[in-house]
Structures are given as structure tokens and as C-alpha cells.
Amino acid sequence: VAPLGALLGADIVSKMSRSRIQIGLGFGLLAVGL
């Protein structure tokens, strides 16, 4: 599952805009903090 998630995730993220990546990273960090 770990390499499969990295492979699928990289494909999805590579097609995203910078602002969407920033928002996604921000929400991820916020979730971890909470």
C-alpha cells in the first residue's frame, strides 16, 4: 500500500496547481496538529 499510495498520489499532485497544493499541505498540517 505505501508505494501504491506514493505512485497514485504523485500522479494526482503533479496535475494540481500551486495554490491547491498549498491548501492541501496546509489542511494536512492542520489535521496533524489537531
Full PDB file with SEQRES, HELIX, SHEET, SSBOND, CRYST1, ORIGX, SCALE, CONECT and MASTER records, all heavy atoms in Angstrom:
SEQRES   1 A   34  VAL ALA PRO LEU GLY ALA LEU LEU GLY ALA ASP ILE VAL          
SEQRES   2 A   34  SER LYS MET SER ARG SER ARG ILE GLN ILE GLY LEU GLY          
SEQRES   3 A   34  PHE GLY LEU LEU ALA VAL GLY LEU                              
HELIX    1 AA1 ALA A    2  VAL A   13  1                                  12    
HELIX    2 AA2 ARG A   18  GLY A   33  1                                  16    
CRYST1    1.000    1.000    1.000  90.00  90.00  90.00 P 1           1          
ORIGX1      1.000000  0.000000  0.000000        0.00000                         
ORIGX2      0.000000  1.000000  0.000000        0.00000                         
ORIGX3      0.000000  0.000000  1.000000        0.00000                         
SCALE1      1.000000  0.000000  0.000000        0.00000                         
SCALE2      0.000000  1.000000  0.000000        0.00000                         
SCALE3      0.000000  0.000000  1.000000        0.00000                         
ATOM      1  N   VAL A   1       0.804  -1.218   0.000  1.00  0.00           N  
ATOM      2  CA  VAL A   1       0.000   0.000   0.000  1.00  0.00           C  
ATOM      3  C   VAL A   1       0.847   1.284   0.000  1.00  0.00           C  
ATOM      4  O   VAL A   1       0.487   2.251  -0.671  1.00  0.00           O  
ATOM      5  CB  VAL A   1      -0.967  -0.011   1.209  1.00  0.00           C  
ATOM      6  CG1 VAL A   1      -1.713   1.293   1.321  1.00  0.00           C  
ATOM      7  CG2 VAL A   1      -1.951  -1.157   1.070  1.00  0.00           C  
ATOM      8  N   ALA A   2       1.963   1.312   0.703  1.00  0.00           N  
ATOM      9  CA  ALA A   2       2.768   2.538   0.778  1.00  0.00           C  
ATOM     10  C   ALA A   2       3.291   2.987  -0.589  1.00  0.00           C  
ATOM     11  O   ALA A   2       3.084   4.138  -0.979  1.00  0.00           O  
ATOM     12  CB  ALA A   2       3.910   2.365   1.774  1.00  0.00           C  
ATOM     13  N   PRO A   3       3.943   2.105  -1.357  1.00  0.00           N  
ATOM     14  CA  PRO A   3       4.391   2.566  -2.679  1.00  0.00           C  
ATOM     15  C   PRO A   3       3.238   2.854  -3.631  1.00  0.00           C  
ATOM     16  O   PRO A   3       3.320   3.765  -4.461  1.00  0.00           O  
ATOM     17  CB  PRO A   3       5.266   1.425  -3.209  1.00  0.00           C  
ATOM     18  CG  PRO A   3       5.139   0.304  -2.276  1.00  0.00           C  
ATOM     19  CD  PRO A   3       4.433   0.773  -1.050  1.00  0.00           C  
ATOM     20  N   LEU A   4       2.158   2.110  -3.500  1.00  0.00           N  
ATOM     21  CA  LEU A   4       0.992   2.347  -4.353  1.00  0.00           C  
ATOM     22  C   LEU A   4       0.414   3.735  -4.067  1.00  0.00           C  
ATOM     23  O   LEU A   4       0.084   4.492  -4.990  1.00  0.00           O  
ATOM     24  CB  LEU A   4      -0.060   1.259  -4.117  1.00  0.00           C  
ATOM     25  CG  LEU A   4      -1.295   1.306  -5.001  1.00  0.00           C  
ATOM     26  CD1 LEU A   4      -0.906   1.111  -6.468  1.00  0.00           C  
ATOM     27  CD2 LEU A   4      -2.274   0.232  -4.573  1.00  0.00           C  
ATOM     28  N   GLY A   5       0.330   4.096  -2.795  1.00  0.00           N  
ATOM     29  CA  GLY A   5      -0.164   5.426  -2.420  1.00  0.00           C  
ATOM     30  C   GLY A   5       0.751   6.532  -2.924  1.00  0.00           C  
ATOM     31  O   GLY A   5       0.285   7.567  -3.408  1.00  0.00           O  
ATOM     32  N   ALA A   6       2.063   6.317  -2.845  1.00  0.00           N  
ATOM     33  CA  ALA A   6       3.014   7.323  -3.347  1.00  0.00           C  
ATOM     34  C   ALA A   6       2.885   7.468  -4.854  1.00  0.00           C  
ATOM     35  O   ALA A   6       2.902   8.584  -5.385  1.00  0.00           O  
ATOM     36  CB  ALA A   6       4.438   6.933  -2.969  1.00  0.00           C  
ATOM     37  N   LEU A   7       2.725   6.361  -5.545  1.00  0.00           N  
ATOM     38  CA  LEU A   7       2.613   6.391  -7.007  1.00  0.00           C  
ATOM     39  C   LEU A   7       1.335   7.109  -7.440  1.00  0.00           C  
ATOM     40  O   LEU A   7       1.370   8.006  -8.281  1.00  0.00           O  
ATOM     41  CB  LEU A   7       2.634   4.965  -7.560  1.00  0.00           C  
ATOM     42  CG  LEU A   7       2.529   4.827  -9.070  1.00  0.00           C  
ATOM     43  CD1 LEU A   7       3.768   5.393  -9.737  1.00  0.00           C  
ATOM     44  CD2 LEU A   7       2.355   3.371  -9.447  1.00  0.00           C  
ATOM     45  N   LEU A   8       0.219   6.741  -6.850  1.00  0.00           N  
ATOM     46  CA  LEU A   8      -1.052   7.373  -7.212  1.00  0.00           C  
ATOM     47  C   LEU A   8      -1.088   8.830  -6.764  1.00  0.00           C  
ATOM     48  O   LEU A   8      -1.564   9.702  -7.490  1.00  0.00           O  
ATOM     49  CB  LEU A   8      -2.225   6.601  -6.596  1.00  0.00           C  
ATOM     50  CG  LEU A   8      -2.404   5.170  -7.093  1.00  0.00           C  
ATOM     51  CD1 LEU A   8      -3.502   4.465  -6.307  1.00  0.00           C  
ATOM     52  CD2 LEU A   8      -2.697   5.134  -8.577  1.00  0.00           C  
ATOM     53  N   GLY A   9      -0.563   9.099  -5.570  1.00  0.00           N  
ATOM     54  CA  GLY A   9      -0.553  10.461  -5.050  1.00  0.00           C  
ATOM     55  C   GLY A   9       0.298  11.390  -5.888  1.00  0.00           C  
ATOM     56  O   GLY A   9      -0.080  12.536  -6.162  1.00  0.00           O  
ATOM     57  N   ALA A  10       1.460  10.914  -6.323  1.00  0.00           N  
ATOM     58  CA  ALA A  10       2.343  11.748  -7.146  1.00  0.00           C  
ATOM     59  C   ALA A  10       1.673  12.105  -8.465  1.00  0.00           C  
ATOM     60  O   ALA A  10       1.791  13.235  -8.947  1.00  0.00           O  
ATOM     61  CB  ALA A  10       3.667  11.025  -7.396  1.00  0.00           C  
ATOM     62  N   ASP A  11       0.958  11.174  -9.044  1.00  0.00           N  
ATOM     63  CA  ASP A  11       0.263  11.438 -10.310  1.00  0.00           C  
ATOM     64  C   ASP A  11      -0.825  12.497 -10.122  1.00  0.00           C  
ATOM     65  O   ASP A  11      -0.974  13.394 -10.943  1.00  0.00           O  
ATOM     66  CB  ASP A  11      -0.340  10.141 -10.857  1.00  0.00           C  
ATOM     67  CG  ASP A  11      -0.942  10.327 -12.236  1.00  0.00           C  
ATOM     68  OD1 ASP A  11      -0.253  10.889 -13.116  1.00  0.00           O  
ATOM     69  OD2 ASP A  11      -2.100   9.909 -12.433  1.00  0.00           O  
ATOM     70  N   ILE A  12      -1.549  12.416  -9.043  1.00  0.00           N  
ATOM     71  CA  ILE A  12      -2.624  13.377  -8.766  1.00  0.00           C  
ATOM     72  C   ILE A  12      -2.038  14.757  -8.473  1.00  0.00           C  
ATOM     73  O   ILE A  12      -2.465  15.761  -9.036  1.00  0.00           O  
ATOM     74  CB  ILE A  12      -3.493  12.891  -7.582  1.00  0.00           C  
ATOM     75  CG1 ILE A  12      -4.284  11.642  -7.990  1.00  0.00           C  
ATOM     76  CG2 ILE A  12      -4.438  13.993  -7.107  1.00  0.00           C  
ATOM     77  CD1 ILE A  12      -4.930  10.914  -6.828  1.00  0.00           C  
ATOM     78  N   VAL A  13      -1.044  14.818  -7.598  1.00  0.00           N  
ATOM     79  CA  VAL A  13      -0.470  16.093  -7.180  1.00  0.00           C  
ATOM     80  C   VAL A  13       0.254  16.792  -8.330  1.00  0.00           C  
ATOM     81  O   VAL A  13       0.219  18.013  -8.444  1.00  0.00           O  
ATOM     82  CB  VAL A  13       0.475  15.899  -5.967  1.00  0.00           C  
ATOM     83  CG1 VAL A  13       1.237  17.169  -5.646  1.00  0.00           C  
ATOM     84  CG2 VAL A  13      -0.332  15.466  -4.753  1.00  0.00           C  
ATOM     85  N   SER A  14       0.873  16.022  -9.210  1.00  0.00           N  
ATOM     86  CA  SER A  14       1.615  16.644 -10.314  1.00  0.00           C  
ATOM     87  C   SER A  14       0.698  17.413 -11.264  1.00  0.00           C  
ATOM     88  O   SER A  14       1.155  18.281 -11.999  1.00  0.00           O  
ATOM     89  CB  SER A  14       2.389  15.577 -11.095  1.00  0.00           C  
ATOM     90  OG  SER A  14       1.504  14.716 -11.779  1.00  0.00           O  
ATOM     91  N   LYS A  15      -0.590  17.124 -11.218  1.00  0.00           N  
ATOM     92  CA  LYS A  15      -1.553  17.808 -12.091  1.00  0.00           C  
ATOM     93  C   LYS A  15      -2.265  18.964 -11.382  1.00  0.00           C  
ATOM     94  O   LYS A  15      -3.097  19.630 -11.977  1.00  0.00           O  
ATOM     95  CB  LYS A  15      -2.581  16.800 -12.594  1.00  0.00           C  
ATOM     96  CG  LYS A  15      -1.966  15.721 -13.464  1.00  0.00           C  
ATOM     97  CD  LYS A  15      -2.954  14.647 -13.815  1.00  0.00           C  
ATOM     98  CE  LYS A  15      -2.254  13.545 -14.597  1.00  0.00           C  
ATOM     99  NZ  LYS A  15      -3.053  12.351 -14.704  1.00  0.00           N  
ATOM    100  N   MET A  16      -1.924  19.215 -10.127  1.00  0.00           N  
ATOM    101  CA  MET A  16      -2.594  20.257  -9.356  1.00  0.00           C  
ATOM    102  C   MET A  16      -1.855  21.588  -9.471  1.00  0.00           C  
ATOM    103  O   MET A  16      -0.651  21.625  -9.700  1.00  0.00           O  
ATOM    104  CB  MET A  16      -2.676  19.846  -7.879  1.00  0.00           C  
ATOM    105  CG  MET A  16      -3.564  18.649  -7.626  1.00  0.00           C  
ATOM    106  SD  MET A  16      -3.472  18.070  -5.924  1.00  0.00           S  
ATOM    107  CE  MET A  16      -4.307  19.373  -5.071  1.00  0.00           C  
ATOM    108  N   SER A  17      -2.583  22.666  -9.254  1.00  0.00           N  
ATOM    109  CA  SER A  17      -1.972  23.997  -9.259  1.00  0.00           C  
ATOM    110  C   SER A  17      -1.242  24.224  -7.937  1.00  0.00           C  
ATOM    111  O   SER A  17      -1.482  23.535  -6.940  1.00  0.00           O  
ATOM    112  CB  SER A  17      -3.050  25.073  -9.428  1.00  0.00           C  
ATOM    113  OG  SER A  17      -3.877  25.113  -8.278  1.00  0.00           O  
ATOM    114  N   ARG A  18      -0.362  25.208  -7.934  1.00  0.00           N  
ATOM    115  CA  ARG A  18       0.401  25.535  -6.733  1.00  0.00           C  
ATOM    116  C   ARG A  18      -0.513  25.867  -5.564  1.00  0.00           C  
ATOM    117  O   ARG A  18      -0.302  25.422  -4.437  1.00  0.00           O  
ATOM    118  CB  ARG A  18       1.326  26.706  -7.013  1.00  0.00           C  
ATOM    119  CG  ARG A  18       2.104  27.165  -5.802  1.00  0.00           C  
ATOM    120  CD  ARG A  18       2.873  28.417  -6.062  1.00  0.00           C  
ATOM    121  NE  ARG A  18       3.810  28.198  -7.142  1.00  0.00           N  
ATOM    122  CZ  ARG A  18       5.048  28.615  -7.137  1.00  0.00           C  
ATOM    123  NH1 ARG A  18       5.498  29.294  -6.116  1.00  0.00           N  
ATOM    124  NH2 ARG A  18       5.847  28.392  -8.139  1.00  0.00           N  
ATOM    125  N   SER A  19      -1.548  26.657  -5.805  1.00  0.00           N  
ATOM    126  CA  SER A  19      -2.434  27.059  -4.700  1.00  0.00           C  
ATOM    127  C   SER A  19      -3.174  25.863  -4.112  1.00  0.00           C  
ATOM    128  O   SER A  19      -3.352  25.781  -2.901  1.00  0.00           O  
ATOM    129  CB  SER A  19      -3.423  28.123  -5.171  1.00  0.00           C  
ATOM    130  OG  SER A  19      -4.256  27.624  -6.191  1.00  0.00           O  
ATOM    131  N   ARG A  20      -3.584  24.928  -4.955  1.00  0.00           N  
ATOM    132  CA  ARG A  20      -4.276  23.733  -4.425  1.00  0.00           C  
ATOM    133  C   ARG A  20      -3.324  22.879  -3.598  1.00  0.00           C  
ATOM    134  O   ARG A  20      -3.713  22.303  -2.580  1.00  0.00           O  
ATOM    135  CB  ARG A  20      -4.878  22.919  -5.560  1.00  0.00           C  
ATOM    136  CG  ARG A  20      -6.021  23.671  -6.239  1.00  0.00           C  
ATOM    137  CD  ARG A  20      -6.710  22.794  -7.220  1.00  0.00           C  
ATOM    138  NE  ARG A  20      -7.938  22.373  -6.532  1.00  0.00           N  
ATOM    139  CZ  ARG A  20      -8.766  21.476  -7.000  1.00  0.00           C  
ATOM    140  NH1 ARG A  20      -8.516  20.880  -8.120  1.00  0.00           N  
ATOM    141  NH2 ARG A  20      -9.844  21.155  -6.329  1.00  0.00           N  
ATOM    142  N   ILE A  21      -2.061  22.782  -4.028  1.00  0.00           N  
ATOM    143  CA  ILE A  21      -1.075  22.031  -3.255  1.00  0.00           C  
ATOM    144  C   ILE A  21      -0.841  22.711  -1.915  1.00  0.00           C  
ATOM    145  O   ILE A  21      -0.794  22.052  -0.867  1.00  0.00           O  
ATOM    146  CB  ILE A  21       0.247  21.894  -4.044  1.00  0.00           C  
ATOM    147  CG1 ILE A  21       0.044  20.998  -5.266  1.00  0.00           C  
ATOM    148  CG2 ILE A  21       1.364  21.343  -3.157  1.00  0.00           C  
ATOM    149  CD1 ILE A  21       1.203  20.986  -6.228  1.00  0.00           C  
ATOM    150  N   GLN A  22      -0.715  24.040  -1.920  1.00  0.00           N  
ATOM    151  CA  GLN A  22      -0.512  24.776  -0.673  1.00  0.00           C  
ATOM    152  C   GLN A  22      -1.689  24.579   0.272  1.00  0.00           C  
ATOM    153  O   GLN A  22      -1.499  24.363   1.475  1.00  0.00           O  
ATOM    154  CB  GLN A  22      -0.315  26.260  -0.968  1.00  0.00           C  
ATOM    155  CG  GLN A  22       1.006  26.575  -1.626  1.00  0.00           C  
ATOM    156  CD  GLN A  22       1.111  28.019  -2.069  1.00  0.00           C  
ATOM    157  OE1 GLN A  22       0.122  28.658  -2.427  1.00  0.00           O  
ATOM    158  NE2 GLN A  22       2.333  28.551  -2.053  1.00  0.00           N  
ATOM    159  N   ILE A  23      -2.894  24.643  -0.257  1.00  0.00           N  
ATOM    160  CA  ILE A  23      -4.086  24.445   0.584  1.00  0.00           C  
ATOM    161  C   ILE A  23      -4.112  23.016   1.125  1.00  0.00           C  
ATOM    162  O   ILE A  23      -4.389  22.792   2.306  1.00  0.00           O  
ATOM    163  CB  ILE A  23      -5.370  24.770  -0.220  1.00  0.00           C  
ATOM    164  CG1 ILE A  23      -5.444  26.274  -0.480  1.00  0.00           C  
ATOM    165  CG2 ILE A  23      -6.609  24.277   0.503  1.00  0.00           C  
ATOM    166  CD1 ILE A  23      -6.508  26.677  -1.485  1.00  0.00           C  
ATOM    167  N   GLY A  24      -3.799  22.038   0.274  1.00  0.00           N  
ATOM    168  CA  GLY A  24      -3.777  20.638   0.714  1.00  0.00           C  
ATOM    169  C   GLY A  24      -2.743  20.399   1.804  1.00  0.00           C  
ATOM    170  O   GLY A  24      -3.037  19.745   2.814  1.00  0.00           O  
ATOM    171  N   LEU A  25      -1.535  20.933   1.613  1.00  0.00           N  
ATOM    172  CA  LEU A  25      -0.499  20.795   2.637  1.00  0.00           C  
ATOM    173  C   LEU A  25      -0.914  21.495   3.933  1.00  0.00           C  
ATOM    174  O   LEU A  25      -0.689  20.976   5.029  1.00  0.00           O  
ATOM    175  CB  LEU A  25       0.829  21.363   2.135  1.00  0.00           C  
ATOM    176  CG  LEU A  25       1.569  20.544   1.088  1.00  0.00           C  
ATOM    177  CD1 LEU A  25       2.739  21.331   0.508  1.00  0.00           C  
ATOM    178  CD2 LEU A  25       2.056  19.231   1.667  1.00  0.00           C  
ATOM    179  N   GLY A  26      -1.530  22.672   3.790  1.00  0.00           N  
ATOM    180  CA  GLY A  26      -1.990  23.402   4.972  1.00  0.00           C  
ATOM    181  C   GLY A  26      -3.026  22.616   5.762  1.00  0.00           C  
ATOM    182  O   GLY A  26      -2.935  22.515   6.991  1.00  0.00           O  
ATOM    183  N   PHE A  27      -4.013  22.048   5.061  1.00  0.00           N  
ATOM    184  CA  PHE A  27      -5.033  21.248   5.746  1.00  0.00           C  
ATOM    185  C   PHE A  27      -4.425  19.993   6.374  1.00  0.00           C  
ATOM    186  O   PHE A  27      -4.801  19.597   7.479  1.00  0.00           O  
ATOM    187  CB  PHE A  27      -6.168  20.858   4.798  1.00  0.00           C  
ATOM    188  CG  PHE A  27      -7.218  21.918   4.665  1.00  0.00           C  
ATOM    189  CD1 PHE A  27      -7.438  22.530   3.442  1.00  0.00           C  
ATOM    190  CD2 PHE A  27      -7.995  22.303   5.746  1.00  0.00           C  
ATOM    191  CE1 PHE A  27      -8.403  23.516   3.308  1.00  0.00           C  
ATOM    192  CE2 PHE A  27      -8.961  23.277   5.622  1.00  0.00           C  
ATOM    193  CZ  PHE A  27      -9.166  23.887   4.404  1.00  0.00           C  
ATOM    194  N   GLY A  28      -3.469  19.378   5.678  1.00  0.00           N  
ATOM    195  CA  GLY A  28      -2.810  18.199   6.230  1.00  0.00           C  
ATOM    196  C   GLY A  28      -2.063  18.519   7.518  1.00  0.00           C  
ATOM    197  O   GLY A  28      -2.174  17.796   8.513  1.00  0.00           O  
ATOM    198  N   LEU A  29      -1.299  19.608   7.500  1.00  0.00           N  
ATOM    199  CA  LEU A  29      -0.567  20.014   8.699  1.00  0.00           C  
ATOM    200  C   LEU A  29      -1.514  20.416   9.827  1.00  0.00           C  
ATOM    201  O   LEU A  29      -1.268  20.120  11.001  1.00  0.00           O  
ATOM    202  CB  LEU A  29       0.397  21.158   8.374  1.00  0.00           C  
ATOM    203  CG  LEU A  29       1.573  20.789   7.476  1.00  0.00           C  
ATOM    204  CD1 LEU A  29       2.325  22.039   7.034  1.00  0.00           C  
ATOM    205  CD2 LEU A  29       2.510  19.824   8.184  1.00  0.00           C  
ATOM    206  N   LEU A  30      -2.609  21.080   9.470  1.00  0.00           N  
ATOM    207  CA  LEU A  30      -3.611  21.452  10.469  1.00  0.00           C  
ATOM    208  C   LEU A  30      -4.232  20.204  11.105  1.00  0.00           C  
ATOM    209  O   LEU A  30      -4.395  20.141  12.331  1.00  0.00           O  
ATOM    210  CB  LEU A  30      -4.702  22.316   9.827  1.00  0.00           C  
ATOM    211  CG  LEU A  30      -5.818  22.799  10.744  1.00  0.00           C  
ATOM    212  CD1 LEU A  30      -5.265  23.723  11.829  1.00  0.00           C  
ATOM    213  CD2 LEU A  30      -6.883  23.530   9.928  1.00  0.00           C  
ATOM    214  N   ALA A  31      -4.546  19.206  10.285  1.00  0.00           N  
ATOM    215  CA  ALA A  31      -5.126  17.960  10.803  1.00  0.00           C  
ATOM    216  C   ALA A  31      -4.162  17.268  11.766  1.00  0.00           C  
ATOM    217  O   ALA A  31      -4.561  16.827  12.852  1.00  0.00           O  
ATOM    218  CB  ALA A  31      -5.490  17.029   9.652  1.00  0.00           C  
ATOM    219  N   VAL A  32      -2.894  17.188  11.385  1.00  0.00           N  
ATOM    220  CA  VAL A  32      -1.900  16.563  12.258  1.00  0.00           C  
ATOM    221  C   VAL A  32      -1.790  17.343  13.570  1.00  0.00           C  
ATOM    222  O   VAL A  32      -1.749  16.751  14.652  1.00  0.00           O  
ATOM    223  CB  VAL A  32      -0.526  16.477  11.555  1.00  0.00           C  
ATOM    224  CG1 VAL A  32       0.564  16.069  12.532  1.00  0.00           C  
ATOM    225  CG2 VAL A  32      -0.584  15.500  10.396  1.00  0.00           C  
ATOM    226  N   GLY A  33      -1.759  18.662  13.481  1.00  0.00           N  
ATOM    227  CA  GLY A  33      -1.684  19.484  14.685  1.00  0.00           C  
ATOM    228  C   GLY A  33      -2.882  19.265  15.605  1.00  0.00           C  
ATOM    229  O   GLY A  33      -2.724  19.138  16.822  1.00  0.00           O  
ATOM    230  N   LEU A  34      -4.078  19.204  15.033  1.00  0.00           N  
ATOM    231  CA  LEU A  34      -5.284  18.982  15.835  1.00  0.00           C  
ATOM    232  C   LEU A  34      -5.286  17.599  16.480  1.00  0.00           C  
ATOM    233  O   LEU A  34      -5.685  17.449  17.644  1.00  0.00           O  
ATOM    234  CB  LEU A  34      -6.536  19.182  14.981  1.00  0.00           C  
ATOM    235  CG  LEU A  34      -6.799  20.620  14.529  1.00  0.00           C  
ATOM    236  CD1 LEU A  34      -7.975  20.669  13.550  1.00  0.00           C  
ATOM    237  CD2 LEU A  34      -7.046  21.531  15.716  1.00  0.00           C  
TER     238      LEU A  34                                                      
MASTER        0    0    0    2    0    0    0    6  237    1    0    3          
END                                                                             
